[in-house]
Amino acid sequence: MIIEPSAGGQAKLTDDGYVEGAPEFVAEIAGSSVSIDMNDKLQAYLRNGAREYVVWRVYDEAIDYFILREGKYVPLTSSDGIVRSEVFPGLWLDVTALLRGDMATVLRILQQGLGTPEHTEFVKRLESKRRASGGH
């Protein structure tokens, strides 16, 4: 996911549909490619400054959620099993529910996050930046 440059994001789509710059958020689903996703791709995203990186290791039944801090990725964790994005306030992921295939709970938790004052303020801030830069 990217935040539009007019709203303060660090990546943009080129005219031919490619991403130029680092997206704020990258998610991978890794089956047989887990070694690539957790090594080569992780280093590429780190080098380019992707702010959050999530890898769902399907065969390991695990999800790794990283955030970029001081030039390195550190795990973003929580005591209640719900990971809360710092880049996209309101993006909440119930890791346990996702791993067990409980999509109703995943959606309910996401909706709770989207209903927070932090998410509302984030959306207002993006819109304000976009308007100030002349974006549509």
N, C-alpha and C. Protein backbone atom coordinates (compact mmCIF):
# COMPACT_ATOMS: atom_id res chain seq x y z
N MET A 1 0.85 -1.16 0.00
CA MET A 1 0.00 0.00 0.00
C MET A 1 0.90 1.23 0.00
N ILE A 2 0.41 2.22 -0.67
CA ILE A 2 1.16 3.47 -0.70
C ILE A 2 0.25 4.63 -0.29
N ILE A 3 0.88 5.64 0.20
CA ILE A 3 0.21 6.91 0.44
C ILE A 3 0.58 7.79 -0.74
N GLU A 4 -0.40 8.43 -1.34
CA GLU A 4 -0.14 9.28 -2.49
C GLU A 4 0.91 10.33 -2.14
N PRO A 5 1.82 10.61 -3.07
CA PRO A 5 2.83 11.64 -2.81
C PRO A 5 2.21 12.98 -2.40
N SER A 6 1.06 13.32 -2.96
CA SER A 6 0.42 14.59 -2.60
C SER A 6 -0.02 14.62 -1.14
N ALA A 7 -0.11 13.43 -0.52
CA ALA A 7 -0.51 13.35 0.88
C ALA A 7 0.68 12.99 1.77
N GLY A 8 1.89 13.08 1.21
CA GLY A 8 3.09 12.84 2.01
C GLY A 8 3.72 11.48 1.84
N GLY A 9 3.26 10.69 0.88
CA GLY A 9 3.82 9.36 0.65
C GLY A 9 5.16 9.40 -0.04
N GLN A 10 5.85 8.27 -0.01
CA GLN A 10 7.20 8.20 -0.56
C GLN A 10 7.28 7.44 -1.87
N ALA A 11 6.15 6.97 -2.41
CA ALA A 11 6.15 6.22 -3.66
C ALA A 11 5.06 6.76 -4.58
N LYS A 12 5.21 6.49 -5.86
CA LYS A 12 4.18 6.88 -6.81
C LYS A 12 4.10 5.84 -7.91
N LEU A 13 2.97 5.83 -8.59
CA LEU A 13 2.81 4.96 -9.76
C LEU A 13 3.26 5.73 -10.99
N THR A 14 4.07 5.07 -11.82
CA THR A 14 4.50 5.70 -13.06
C THR A 14 3.37 5.59 -14.08
N ASP A 15 3.51 6.28 -15.19
CA ASP A 15 2.49 6.25 -16.23
C ASP A 15 2.24 4.84 -16.77
N ASP A 16 3.27 3.99 -16.71
CA ASP A 16 3.10 2.62 -17.21
C ASP A 16 2.77 1.63 -16.09
N GLY A 17 2.37 2.13 -14.91
CA GLY A 17 1.83 1.28 -13.85
C GLY A 17 2.84 0.66 -12.89
N TYR A 18 4.08 1.11 -12.91
CA TYR A 18 5.08 0.59 -11.99
C TYR A 18 5.19 1.49 -10.76
N VAL A 19 5.56 0.90 -9.65
CA VAL A 19 5.78 1.67 -8.43
C VAL A 19 7.19 2.22 -8.46
N GLU A 20 7.30 3.52 -8.25
CA GLU A 20 8.59 4.18 -8.18
C GLU A 20 8.76 4.70 -6.76
N GLY A 21 9.82 4.26 -6.08
CA GLY A 21 10.01 4.59 -4.68
C GLY A 21 9.48 3.45 -3.82
N ALA A 22 9.68 3.58 -2.54
CA ALA A 22 9.28 2.51 -1.62
C ALA A 22 7.84 2.70 -1.15
N PRO A 23 7.04 1.65 -1.25
CA PRO A 23 5.69 1.75 -0.67
C PRO A 23 5.80 1.84 0.84
N GLU A 24 4.78 2.40 1.46
CA GLU A 24 4.79 2.48 2.91
C GLU A 24 4.59 1.11 3.54
N PHE A 25 3.83 0.24 2.88
CA PHE A 25 3.44 -1.06 3.46
C PHE A 25 3.55 -2.12 2.38
N VAL A 26 4.24 -3.22 2.70
CA VAL A 26 4.38 -4.36 1.78
C VAL A 26 3.94 -5.61 2.52
N ALA A 27 3.12 -6.43 1.86
CA ALA A 27 2.70 -7.71 2.43
C ALA A 27 3.01 -8.82 1.44
N GLU A 28 3.55 -9.91 1.94
CA GLU A 28 3.89 -11.08 1.13
C GLU A 28 3.23 -12.31 1.73
N ILE A 29 2.79 -13.20 0.86
CA ILE A 29 2.35 -14.53 1.30
C ILE A 29 3.40 -15.49 0.78
N ALA A 30 4.09 -16.14 1.70
CA ALA A 30 5.24 -16.96 1.34
C ALA A 30 4.96 -18.44 1.60
N GLY A 31 5.00 -19.20 0.53
CA GLY A 31 4.92 -20.65 0.65
C GLY A 31 6.34 -21.18 0.52
N SER A 32 6.66 -21.61 -0.69
CA SER A 32 8.00 -22.14 -0.94
C SER A 32 9.02 -21.02 -1.04
N SER A 33 8.58 -19.77 -1.10
CA SER A 33 9.50 -18.64 -1.28
C SER A 33 9.91 -17.99 0.04
N VAL A 34 9.64 -18.63 1.17
CA VAL A 34 9.89 -18.00 2.47
C VAL A 34 11.34 -17.55 2.63
N SER A 35 12.28 -18.31 2.13
CA SER A 35 13.68 -17.93 2.24
C SER A 35 13.96 -16.63 1.50
N ILE A 36 13.37 -16.49 0.32
CA ILE A 36 13.53 -15.26 -0.46
C ILE A 36 12.84 -14.10 0.24
N ASP A 37 11.60 -14.32 0.69
CA ASP A 37 10.83 -13.25 1.32
C ASP A 37 11.45 -12.76 2.62
N MET A 38 12.04 -13.66 3.39
CA MET A 38 12.59 -13.29 4.69
C MET A 38 14.06 -12.86 4.61
N ASN A 39 14.65 -12.95 3.43
CA ASN A 39 16.05 -12.56 3.28
C ASN A 39 16.21 -11.52 2.18
N ASP A 40 16.22 -11.97 0.92
CA ASP A 40 16.48 -11.06 -0.20
C ASP A 40 15.46 -9.93 -0.29
N LYS A 41 14.18 -10.28 -0.26
CA LYS A 41 13.14 -9.25 -0.38
C LYS A 41 13.15 -8.34 0.85
N LEU A 42 13.31 -8.92 2.03
CA LEU A 42 13.36 -8.11 3.24
C LEU A 42 14.48 -7.08 3.13
N GLN A 43 15.64 -7.50 2.66
CA GLN A 43 16.77 -6.58 2.52
C GLN A 43 16.50 -5.52 1.45
N ALA A 44 15.84 -5.91 0.36
CA ALA A 44 15.51 -4.94 -0.70
C ALA A 44 14.53 -3.90 -0.19
N TYR A 45 13.50 -4.34 0.53
CA TYR A 45 12.52 -3.39 1.07
C TYR A 45 13.17 -2.50 2.12
N LEU A 46 14.05 -3.07 2.93
CA LEU A 46 14.77 -2.29 3.93
C LEU A 46 15.64 -1.23 3.26
N ARG A 47 16.40 -1.65 2.27
CA ARG A 47 17.30 -0.75 1.54
C ARG A 47 16.54 0.42 0.91
N ASN A 48 15.31 0.13 0.45
CA ASN A 48 14.52 1.15 -0.23
C ASN A 48 13.58 1.92 0.69
N GLY A 49 13.48 1.51 1.95
CA GLY A 49 12.74 2.28 2.94
C GLY A 49 11.26 1.99 3.06
N ALA A 50 10.82 0.77 2.69
CA ALA A 50 9.42 0.40 2.95
C ALA A 50 9.22 0.43 4.46
N ARG A 51 8.19 1.13 4.91
CA ARG A 51 8.06 1.40 6.35
C ARG A 51 7.52 0.23 7.16
N GLU A 52 6.64 -0.59 6.56
CA GLU A 52 6.16 -1.80 7.24
C GLU A 52 6.19 -2.95 6.25
N TYR A 53 6.55 -4.13 6.76
CA TYR A 53 6.69 -5.32 5.91
C TYR A 53 6.09 -6.50 6.65
N VAL A 54 5.13 -7.17 6.01
CA VAL A 54 4.45 -8.31 6.61
C VAL A 54 4.68 -9.53 5.74
N VAL A 55 5.05 -10.64 6.38
CA VAL A 55 5.22 -11.90 5.66
C VAL A 55 4.37 -12.96 6.34
N TRP A 56 3.45 -13.54 5.58
CA TRP A 56 2.65 -14.67 6.06
C TRP A 56 3.37 -15.92 5.57
N ARG A 57 4.00 -16.63 6.51
CA ARG A 57 4.72 -17.87 6.19
C ARG A 57 3.71 -19.01 6.29
N VAL A 58 3.11 -19.35 5.16
CA VAL A 58 1.98 -20.28 5.12
C VAL A 58 2.34 -21.63 5.72
N TYR A 59 3.42 -22.24 5.28
CA TYR A 59 3.76 -23.58 5.77
C TYR A 59 4.17 -23.58 7.24
N ASP A 60 4.70 -22.47 7.72
CA ASP A 60 5.09 -22.36 9.12
C ASP A 60 3.92 -21.92 10.00
N GLU A 61 2.79 -21.55 9.37
CA GLU A 61 1.62 -21.04 10.08
C GLU A 61 2.01 -19.89 11.01
N ALA A 62 2.70 -18.90 10.41
CA ALA A 62 3.17 -17.75 11.18
C ALA A 62 3.09 -16.49 10.33
N ILE A 63 2.92 -15.38 10.99
CA ILE A 63 2.93 -14.08 10.34
C ILE A 63 3.95 -13.22 11.05
N ASP A 64 4.86 -12.64 10.26
CA ASP A 64 5.88 -11.74 10.79
C ASP A 64 5.52 -10.33 10.33
N TYR A 65 5.42 -9.42 11.27
CA TYR A 65 5.07 -8.03 10.97
C TYR A 65 6.22 -7.16 11.44
N PHE A 66 6.88 -6.49 10.50
CA PHE A 66 8.05 -5.68 10.81
C PHE A 66 7.75 -4.20 10.57
N ILE A 67 8.42 -3.37 11.35
CA ILE A 67 8.35 -1.92 11.14
C ILE A 67 9.78 -1.41 11.06
N LEU A 68 9.97 -0.42 10.19
CA LEU A 68 11.29 0.17 9.99
C LEU A 68 11.56 1.18 11.11
N ARG A 69 12.63 0.91 11.85
CA ARG A 69 13.03 1.82 12.93
C ARG A 69 14.55 1.95 12.91
N GLU A 70 14.99 3.18 12.82
CA GLU A 70 16.43 3.48 12.86
C GLU A 70 17.23 2.63 11.88
N GLY A 71 16.69 2.51 10.66
CA GLY A 71 17.41 1.82 9.59
C GLY A 71 17.36 0.30 9.62
N LYS A 72 16.52 -0.28 10.47
CA LYS A 72 16.40 -1.74 10.47
C LYS A 72 14.96 -2.13 10.78
N TYR A 73 14.60 -3.36 10.38
CA TYR A 73 13.27 -3.86 10.67
C TYR A 73 13.27 -4.51 12.05
N VAL A 74 12.27 -4.14 12.82
CA VAL A 74 12.05 -4.77 14.12
C VAL A 74 10.63 -5.31 14.13
N PRO A 75 10.40 -6.43 14.83
CA PRO A 75 9.05 -6.99 14.88
C PRO A 75 8.07 -6.02 15.54
N LEU A 76 6.90 -5.90 14.94
CA LEU A 76 5.81 -5.13 15.53
C LEU A 76 4.89 -6.16 16.17
N THR A 77 4.79 -6.11 17.48
CA THR A 77 4.03 -7.12 18.21
C THR A 77 3.04 -6.44 19.14
N SER A 78 2.20 -7.27 19.77
CA SER A 78 1.28 -6.74 20.77
C SER A 78 1.00 -7.84 21.78
N SER A 79 0.55 -7.43 22.93
CA SER A 79 0.27 -8.41 23.99
C SER A 79 -1.07 -9.11 23.77
N ASP A 80 -1.95 -8.51 22.97
CA ASP A 80 -3.28 -9.11 22.77
C ASP A 80 -3.44 -9.84 21.44
N GLY A 81 -2.35 -9.97 20.67
CA GLY A 81 -2.41 -10.70 19.40
C GLY A 81 -2.92 -9.87 18.24
N ILE A 82 -3.24 -8.61 18.47
CA ILE A 82 -3.71 -7.73 17.41
C ILE A 82 -2.58 -6.77 17.08
N VAL A 83 -2.08 -6.86 15.87
CA VAL A 83 -1.01 -5.97 15.44
C VAL A 83 -1.65 -4.71 14.87
N ARG A 84 -1.17 -3.57 15.32
CA ARG A 84 -1.73 -2.28 14.91
C ARG A 84 -0.68 -1.52 14.11
N SER A 85 -0.97 -1.28 12.86
CA SER A 85 -0.05 -0.55 11.99
C SER A 85 0.22 0.83 12.57
N GLU A 86 1.48 1.23 12.51
CA GLU A 86 1.85 2.58 12.92
C GLU A 86 1.83 3.53 11.73
N VAL A 87 1.99 2.99 10.54
CA VAL A 87 2.00 3.80 9.32
C VAL A 87 0.58 4.12 8.87
N PHE A 88 -0.32 3.15 9.00
CA PHE A 88 -1.72 3.31 8.63
C PHE A 88 -2.59 3.13 9.89
N PRO A 89 -2.69 4.17 10.71
CA PRO A 89 -3.50 4.05 11.93
C PRO A 89 -4.90 3.53 11.62
N GLY A 90 -5.32 2.54 12.37
CA GLY A 90 -6.63 1.91 12.14
C GLY A 90 -6.52 0.59 11.42
N LEU A 91 -5.37 0.31 10.81
CA LEU A 91 -5.17 -0.99 10.17
C LEU A 91 -4.74 -1.97 11.27
N TRP A 92 -5.71 -2.73 11.73
CA TRP A 92 -5.49 -3.70 12.80
C TRP A 92 -5.60 -5.11 12.22
N LEU A 93 -4.69 -6.00 12.62
CA LEU A 93 -4.68 -7.38 12.14
C LEU A 93 -4.65 -8.33 13.32
N ASP A 94 -5.69 -9.14 13.43
CA ASP A 94 -5.73 -10.19 14.45
C ASP A 94 -5.01 -11.39 13.86
N VAL A 95 -3.75 -11.53 14.20
CA VAL A 95 -2.89 -12.56 13.63
C VAL A 95 -3.42 -13.96 13.92
N THR A 96 -3.80 -14.21 15.14
CA THR A 96 -4.29 -15.54 15.54
C THR A 96 -5.54 -15.92 14.75
N ALA A 97 -6.48 -14.99 14.63
CA ALA A 97 -7.71 -15.26 13.88
C ALA A 97 -7.40 -15.52 12.41
N LEU A 98 -6.49 -14.75 11.84
CA LEU A 98 -6.13 -14.95 10.44
C LEU A 98 -5.51 -16.32 10.23
N LEU A 99 -4.62 -16.72 11.11
CA LEU A 99 -3.96 -18.01 10.97
C LEU A 99 -4.92 -19.18 11.12
N ARG A 100 -5.97 -19.02 11.92
CA ARG A 100 -6.93 -20.11 12.07
C ARG A 100 -8.06 -20.03 11.04
N GLY A 101 -8.02 -19.01 10.17
CA GLY A 101 -9.01 -18.89 9.11
C GLY A 101 -10.33 -18.28 9.55
N ASP A 102 -10.32 -17.59 10.68
CA ASP A 102 -11.54 -16.98 11.22
C ASP A 102 -11.68 -15.57 10.64
N MET A 103 -12.17 -15.51 9.40
CA MET A 103 -12.25 -14.23 8.70
C MET A 103 -13.27 -13.29 9.30
N ALA A 104 -14.30 -13.82 9.94
CA ALA A 104 -15.29 -12.96 10.60
C ALA A 104 -14.62 -12.14 11.70
N THR A 105 -13.75 -12.77 12.49
CA THR A 105 -13.04 -12.06 13.54
C THR A 105 -12.02 -11.09 12.94
N VAL A 106 -11.32 -11.52 11.90
CA VAL A 106 -10.35 -10.64 11.24
C VAL A 106 -11.05 -9.36 10.78
N LEU A 107 -12.20 -9.50 10.14
CA LEU A 107 -12.95 -8.35 9.65
C LEU A 107 -13.49 -7.50 10.81
N ARG A 108 -13.98 -8.15 11.85
CA ARG A 108 -14.51 -7.40 13.00
C ARG A 108 -13.41 -6.56 13.65
N ILE A 109 -12.23 -7.12 13.82
CA ILE A 109 -11.12 -6.39 14.43
C ILE A 109 -10.67 -5.25 13.51
N LEU A 110 -10.62 -5.51 12.21
CA LEU A 110 -10.27 -4.46 11.26
C LEU A 110 -11.28 -3.31 11.35
N GLN A 111 -12.56 -3.64 11.40
CA GLN A 111 -13.59 -2.61 11.51
C GLN A 111 -13.45 -1.80 12.80
N GLN A 112 -13.06 -2.47 13.88
CA GLN A 112 -12.81 -1.75 15.14
C GLN A 112 -11.69 -0.73 14.95
N GLY A 113 -10.62 -1.17 14.29
CA GLY A 113 -9.50 -0.27 14.04
C GLY A 113 -9.90 0.92 13.18
N LEU A 114 -10.70 0.65 12.15
CA LEU A 114 -11.13 1.72 11.26
C LEU A 114 -12.09 2.69 11.94
N GLY A 115 -12.64 2.28 13.06
CA GLY A 115 -13.55 3.13 13.81
C GLY A 115 -12.89 3.96 14.89
N THR A 116 -11.57 3.89 14.99
CA THR A 116 -10.87 4.62 16.05
C THR A 116 -10.66 6.09 15.69
N PRO A 117 -10.53 6.92 16.71
CA PRO A 117 -10.21 8.33 16.46
C PRO A 117 -8.87 8.49 15.72
N GLU A 118 -7.93 7.59 15.96
CA GLU A 118 -6.63 7.66 15.29
C GLU A 118 -6.78 7.51 13.78
N HIS A 119 -7.66 6.58 13.37
CA HIS A 119 -7.88 6.38 11.93
C HIS A 119 -8.58 7.59 11.33
N THR A 120 -9.58 8.10 12.03
CA THR A 120 -10.30 9.28 11.54
C THR A 120 -9.34 10.45 11.36
N GLU A 121 -8.46 10.67 12.32
CA GLU A 121 -7.49 11.75 12.23
C GLU A 121 -6.50 11.50 11.08
N PHE A 122 -6.08 10.26 10.89
CA PHE A 122 -5.17 9.89 9.80
C PHE A 122 -5.80 10.24 8.45
N VAL A 123 -7.05 9.87 8.26
CA VAL A 123 -7.75 10.15 7.00
C VAL A 123 -7.86 11.66 6.79
N LYS A 124 -8.20 12.39 7.83
CA LYS A 124 -8.30 13.85 7.73
C LYS A 124 -6.95 14.46 7.38
N ARG A 125 -5.89 13.96 8.00
CA ARG A 125 -4.55 14.48 7.75
C ARG A 125 -4.13 14.22 6.29
N LEU A 126 -4.42 13.03 5.78
CA LEU A 126 -4.10 12.72 4.38
C LEU A 126 -4.86 13.65 3.43
N GLU A 127 -6.15 13.80 3.69
CA GLU A 127 -6.98 14.65 2.84
C GLU A 127 -6.50 16.10 2.87
N SER A 128 -6.14 16.57 4.04
CA SER A 128 -5.65 17.95 4.19
C SER A 128 -4.36 18.15 3.40
N LYS A 129 -3.44 17.20 3.49
CA LYS A 129 -2.18 17.30 2.75
C LYS A 129 -2.43 17.27 1.26
N ARG A 130 -3.34 16.38 0.84
CA ARG A 130 -3.63 16.26 -0.58
C ARG A 130 -4.23 17.57 -1.11
N ARG A 131 -5.16 18.15 -0.36
CA ARG A 131 -5.77 19.42 -0.79
C ARG A 131 -4.73 20.54 -0.83
N ALA A 132 -3.86 20.58 0.18
CA ALA A 132 -2.85 21.63 0.25
C ALA A 132 -1.87 21.56 -0.91
N SER A 133 -1.65 20.34 -1.43
CA SER A 133 -0.70 20.19 -2.54
C SER A 133 -1.38 20.31 -3.89
N GLY A 134 -2.70 20.52 -3.88
CA GLY A 134 -3.43 20.65 -5.14
C GLY A 134 -3.87 19.33 -5.73
N GLY A 135 -3.76 18.22 -4.94
CA GLY A 135 -4.19 16.90 -5.41
C GLY A 135 -5.70 16.81 -5.46
N HIS A 136 -6.20 15.78 -6.11
CA HIS A 136 -7.67 15.60 -6.26
C HIS A 136 -8.16 14.55 -5.32
